Amino acid sequence: MGELIYTLCMLTSLACTWLLLASYRRTRYRLLFWSGACFAVMTLNNFLLLLDKVVFPTQVDLLPWRQASALVACLLLLYGLIYEKE
């Protein structure tokens, strides 16, 4: 059951990435770019979670990589929110 949930979360993040970046290409509104970049890294984070919990549950600990990718995702969105002007 966990595999399904992790996969659906990853696919949802990927769909959000695709929609945000497609909207950015249409409108060139920079906050959409930073939001799309954030969700792209969140997709990577969810993929690492799937690898960590399902594919390599006992062999490899990917927690530091997952935490680093979550931090990068938050920092990308924070940068976009703070430094981008309309």
N, C-alpha and C. Protein backbone atom coordinates (compact mmCIF):
# COMPACT_ATOMS: atom_id res chain seq x y z
N MET A 1 0.81 -1.20 0.00
CA MET A 1 0.00 0.00 0.00
C MET A 1 0.86 1.27 0.00
N GLY A 2 1.99 1.22 0.71
CA GLY A 2 2.87 2.37 0.76
C GLY A 2 3.44 2.73 -0.60
N GLU A 3 3.73 1.69 -1.40
CA GLU A 3 4.28 1.93 -2.74
C GLU A 3 3.33 2.76 -3.58
N LEU A 4 2.05 2.45 -3.47
CA LEU A 4 1.03 3.17 -4.24
C LEU A 4 0.95 4.63 -3.80
N ILE A 5 0.97 4.85 -2.51
CA ILE A 5 0.87 6.22 -2.00
C ILE A 5 2.10 7.03 -2.39
N TYR A 6 3.30 6.45 -2.24
CA TYR A 6 4.52 7.16 -2.62
C TYR A 6 4.54 7.48 -4.11
N THR A 7 4.07 6.53 -4.91
CA THR A 7 4.03 6.75 -6.36
C THR A 7 3.03 7.84 -6.73
N LEU A 8 1.86 7.82 -6.10
CA LEU A 8 0.85 8.84 -6.39
C LEU A 8 1.33 10.23 -5.97
N CYS A 9 2.02 10.31 -4.85
CA CYS A 9 2.58 11.61 -4.42
C CYS A 9 3.60 12.11 -5.41
N MET A 10 4.45 11.22 -5.91
CA MET A 10 5.46 11.62 -6.88
C MET A 10 4.80 12.07 -8.19
N LEU A 11 3.79 11.35 -8.64
CA LEU A 11 3.10 11.72 -9.87
C LEU A 11 2.33 13.03 -9.72
N THR A 12 1.78 13.28 -8.54
CA THR A 12 1.10 14.54 -8.29
C THR A 12 2.08 15.71 -8.32
N SER A 13 3.24 15.54 -7.72
CA SER A 13 4.26 16.58 -7.77
C SER A 13 4.74 16.83 -9.20
N LEU A 14 4.87 15.75 -9.96
CA LEU A 14 5.27 15.88 -11.36
C LEU A 14 4.21 16.63 -12.17
N ALA A 15 2.94 16.33 -11.91
CA ALA A 15 1.86 17.04 -12.61
C ALA A 15 1.85 18.52 -12.25
N CYS A 16 2.07 18.83 -10.97
CA CYS A 16 2.13 20.24 -10.56
C CYS A 16 3.30 20.94 -11.22
N THR A 17 4.44 20.26 -11.30
CA THR A 17 5.61 20.83 -11.98
C THR A 17 5.28 21.16 -13.43
N TRP A 18 4.70 20.20 -14.10
CA TRP A 18 4.37 20.37 -15.52
C TRP A 18 3.38 21.53 -15.72
N LEU A 19 2.34 21.59 -14.90
CA LEU A 19 1.33 22.65 -15.04
C LEU A 19 1.92 24.03 -14.73
N LEU A 20 2.72 24.12 -13.68
CA LEU A 20 3.31 25.41 -13.32
C LEU A 20 4.29 25.90 -14.38
N LEU A 21 5.14 25.01 -14.87
CA LEU A 21 6.12 25.44 -15.87
C LEU A 21 5.46 25.71 -17.22
N ALA A 22 4.40 25.00 -17.56
CA ALA A 22 3.66 25.30 -18.79
C ALA A 22 3.00 26.66 -18.69
N SER A 23 2.45 26.97 -17.54
CA SER A 23 1.85 28.28 -17.34
C SER A 23 2.92 29.38 -17.36
N TYR A 24 4.10 29.09 -16.82
CA TYR A 24 5.19 30.07 -16.87
C TYR A 24 5.60 30.34 -18.32
N ARG A 25 5.69 29.30 -19.14
CA ARG A 25 6.07 29.50 -20.54
C ARG A 25 5.05 30.37 -21.28
N ARG A 26 3.79 30.27 -20.88
CA ARG A 26 2.74 31.06 -21.51
C ARG A 26 2.74 32.51 -21.04
N THR A 27 2.90 32.73 -19.74
CA THR A 27 2.72 34.06 -19.17
C THR A 27 4.01 34.78 -18.80
N ARG A 28 5.09 34.04 -18.62
CA ARG A 28 6.38 34.59 -18.19
C ARG A 28 6.29 35.27 -16.82
N TYR A 29 5.39 34.83 -15.99
CA TYR A 29 5.28 35.33 -14.62
C TYR A 29 6.29 34.54 -13.77
N ARG A 30 7.30 35.23 -13.23
CA ARG A 30 8.45 34.58 -12.62
C ARG A 30 8.12 33.73 -11.40
N LEU A 31 7.09 34.09 -10.65
CA LEU A 31 6.74 33.29 -9.48
C LEU A 31 6.29 31.89 -9.89
N LEU A 32 5.69 31.77 -11.07
CA LEU A 32 5.34 30.44 -11.58
C LEU A 32 6.58 29.61 -11.84
N PHE A 33 7.65 30.25 -12.32
CA PHE A 33 8.90 29.52 -12.54
C PHE A 33 9.46 28.98 -11.23
N TRP A 34 9.51 29.83 -10.20
CA TRP A 34 10.07 29.39 -8.93
C TRP A 34 9.20 28.32 -8.28
N SER A 35 7.90 28.44 -8.42
CA SER A 35 7.00 27.41 -7.90
C SER A 35 7.20 26.10 -8.65
N GLY A 36 7.35 26.18 -9.96
CA GLY A 36 7.61 24.97 -10.76
C GLY A 36 8.93 24.33 -10.40
N ALA A 37 9.96 25.14 -10.18
CA ALA A 37 11.26 24.60 -9.77
C ALA A 37 11.16 23.92 -8.41
N CYS A 38 10.39 24.53 -7.51
CA CYS A 38 10.18 23.94 -6.19
C CYS A 38 9.51 22.57 -6.32
N PHE A 39 8.48 22.49 -7.14
CA PHE A 39 7.78 21.22 -7.31
C PHE A 39 8.63 20.20 -8.06
N ALA A 40 9.53 20.65 -8.92
CA ALA A 40 10.44 19.72 -9.60
C ALA A 40 11.35 19.04 -8.58
N VAL A 41 11.86 19.82 -7.64
CA VAL A 41 12.72 19.24 -6.60
C VAL A 41 11.88 18.39 -5.64
N MET A 42 10.63 18.77 -5.40
CA MET A 42 9.75 17.93 -4.58
C MET A 42 9.48 16.59 -5.27
N THR A 43 9.41 16.60 -6.60
CA THR A 43 9.25 15.35 -7.33
C THR A 43 10.48 14.47 -7.10
N LEU A 44 11.66 15.06 -7.15
CA LEU A 44 12.88 14.32 -6.84
C LEU A 44 12.84 13.80 -5.41
N ASN A 45 12.37 14.61 -4.49
CA ASN A 45 12.26 14.20 -3.10
C ASN A 45 11.34 12.99 -2.96
N ASN A 46 10.21 13.02 -3.64
CA ASN A 46 9.29 11.89 -3.58
C ASN A 46 9.87 10.64 -4.24
N PHE A 47 10.66 10.83 -5.29
CA PHE A 47 11.33 9.69 -5.92
C PHE A 47 12.35 9.07 -4.96
N LEU A 48 13.11 9.92 -4.26
CA LEU A 48 14.05 9.41 -3.27
C LEU A 48 13.33 8.70 -2.14
N LEU A 49 12.18 9.20 -1.75
CA LEU A 49 11.37 8.53 -0.72
C LEU A 49 10.94 7.15 -1.19
N LEU A 50 10.51 7.05 -2.43
CA LEU A 50 10.11 5.76 -3.00
C LEU A 50 11.30 4.80 -3.02
N LEU A 51 12.46 5.28 -3.42
CA LEU A 51 13.65 4.43 -3.41
C LEU A 51 14.02 4.00 -2.00
N ASP A 52 13.95 4.94 -1.06
CA ASP A 52 14.36 4.69 0.31
C ASP A 52 13.45 3.69 1.00
N LYS A 53 12.15 3.83 0.82
CA LYS A 53 11.20 3.01 1.58
C LYS A 53 10.79 1.73 0.86
N VAL A 54 10.85 1.71 -0.47
CA VAL A 54 10.33 0.56 -1.20
C VAL A 54 11.45 -0.25 -1.86
N VAL A 55 12.31 0.42 -2.61
CA VAL A 55 13.32 -0.31 -3.39
C VAL A 55 14.48 -0.77 -2.51
N PHE A 56 15.01 0.11 -1.69
CA PHE A 56 16.15 -0.21 -0.83
C PHE A 56 15.79 0.02 0.65
N PRO A 57 14.86 -0.73 1.20
CA PRO A 57 14.42 -0.42 2.57
C PRO A 57 15.48 -0.65 3.64
N THR A 58 16.37 -1.62 3.43
CA THR A 58 17.37 -1.90 4.48
C THR A 58 18.79 -1.67 4.01
N GLN A 59 19.04 -1.60 2.70
CA GLN A 59 20.40 -1.51 2.21
C GLN A 59 20.96 -0.08 2.27
N VAL A 60 20.15 0.90 1.93
CA VAL A 60 20.64 2.27 1.78
C VAL A 60 19.76 3.21 2.61
N ASP A 61 20.38 4.17 3.27
CA ASP A 61 19.63 5.21 3.99
C ASP A 61 19.73 6.50 3.20
N LEU A 62 18.63 6.90 2.59
CA LEU A 62 18.60 8.11 1.77
C LEU A 62 18.04 9.32 2.52
N LEU A 63 17.90 9.20 3.82
CA LEU A 63 17.32 10.31 4.60
C LEU A 63 18.08 11.62 4.43
N PRO A 64 19.42 11.64 4.49
CA PRO A 64 20.11 12.93 4.29
C PRO A 64 19.84 13.54 2.91
N TRP A 65 19.77 12.71 1.88
CA TRP A 65 19.49 13.20 0.53
C TRP A 65 18.06 13.72 0.43
N ARG A 66 17.13 13.03 1.08
CA ARG A 66 15.74 13.49 1.06
C ARG A 66 15.59 14.81 1.80
N GLN A 67 16.26 14.94 2.92
CA GLN A 67 16.19 16.20 3.67
C GLN A 67 16.84 17.34 2.91
N ALA A 68 17.95 17.05 2.24
CA ALA A 68 18.62 18.09 1.45
C ALA A 68 17.74 18.54 0.29
N SER A 69 17.08 17.61 -0.38
CA SER A 69 16.22 17.99 -1.50
C SER A 69 14.99 18.76 -1.01
N ALA A 70 14.47 18.41 0.16
CA ALA A 70 13.34 19.18 0.71
C ALA A 70 13.77 20.60 1.06
N LEU A 71 14.98 20.73 1.59
CA LEU A 71 15.50 22.06 1.92
C LEU A 71 15.69 22.89 0.65
N VAL A 72 16.24 22.29 -0.38
CA VAL A 72 16.44 23.01 -1.65
C VAL A 72 15.10 23.45 -2.23
N ALA A 73 14.09 22.58 -2.16
CA ALA A 73 12.77 22.93 -2.68
C ALA A 73 12.19 24.13 -1.93
N CYS A 74 12.29 24.10 -0.62
CA CYS A 74 11.77 25.23 0.17
C CYS A 74 12.54 26.51 -0.10
N LEU A 75 13.86 26.40 -0.25
CA LEU A 75 14.67 27.59 -0.51
C LEU A 75 14.38 28.19 -1.88
N LEU A 76 14.11 27.34 -2.87
CA LEU A 76 13.76 27.86 -4.20
C LEU A 76 12.46 28.67 -4.13
N LEU A 77 11.47 28.13 -3.47
CA LEU A 77 10.20 28.84 -3.36
C LEU A 77 10.36 30.11 -2.52
N LEU A 78 11.12 30.02 -1.45
CA LEU A 78 11.34 31.19 -0.61
C LEU A 78 12.06 32.29 -1.37
N TYR A 79 13.07 31.92 -2.16
CA TYR A 79 13.77 32.91 -2.97
C TYR A 79 12.80 33.58 -3.94
N GLY A 80 11.98 32.79 -4.60
CA GLY A 80 11.01 33.36 -5.52
C GLY A 80 10.03 34.30 -4.86
N LEU A 81 9.60 33.95 -3.66
CA LEU A 81 8.64 34.79 -2.95
C LEU A 81 9.27 36.08 -2.47
N ILE A 82 10.52 36.04 -2.07
CA ILE A 82 11.16 37.23 -1.50
C ILE A 82 11.72 38.16 -2.56
N TYR A 83 12.45 37.62 -3.53
CA TYR A 83 13.25 38.46 -4.42
C TYR A 83 12.62 38.78 -5.77
N GLU A 84 11.58 38.11 -6.14
CA GLU A 84 10.98 38.40 -7.44
C GLU A 84 9.97 39.54 -7.32
N LYS A 85 10.07 40.44 -8.25
CA LYS A 85 9.13 41.57 -8.30
C LYS A 85 8.21 41.36 -9.50
N GLU A 86 7.03 41.94 -9.40
CA GLU A 86 6.07 41.80 -10.51
C GLU A 86 6.44 42.68 -11.67
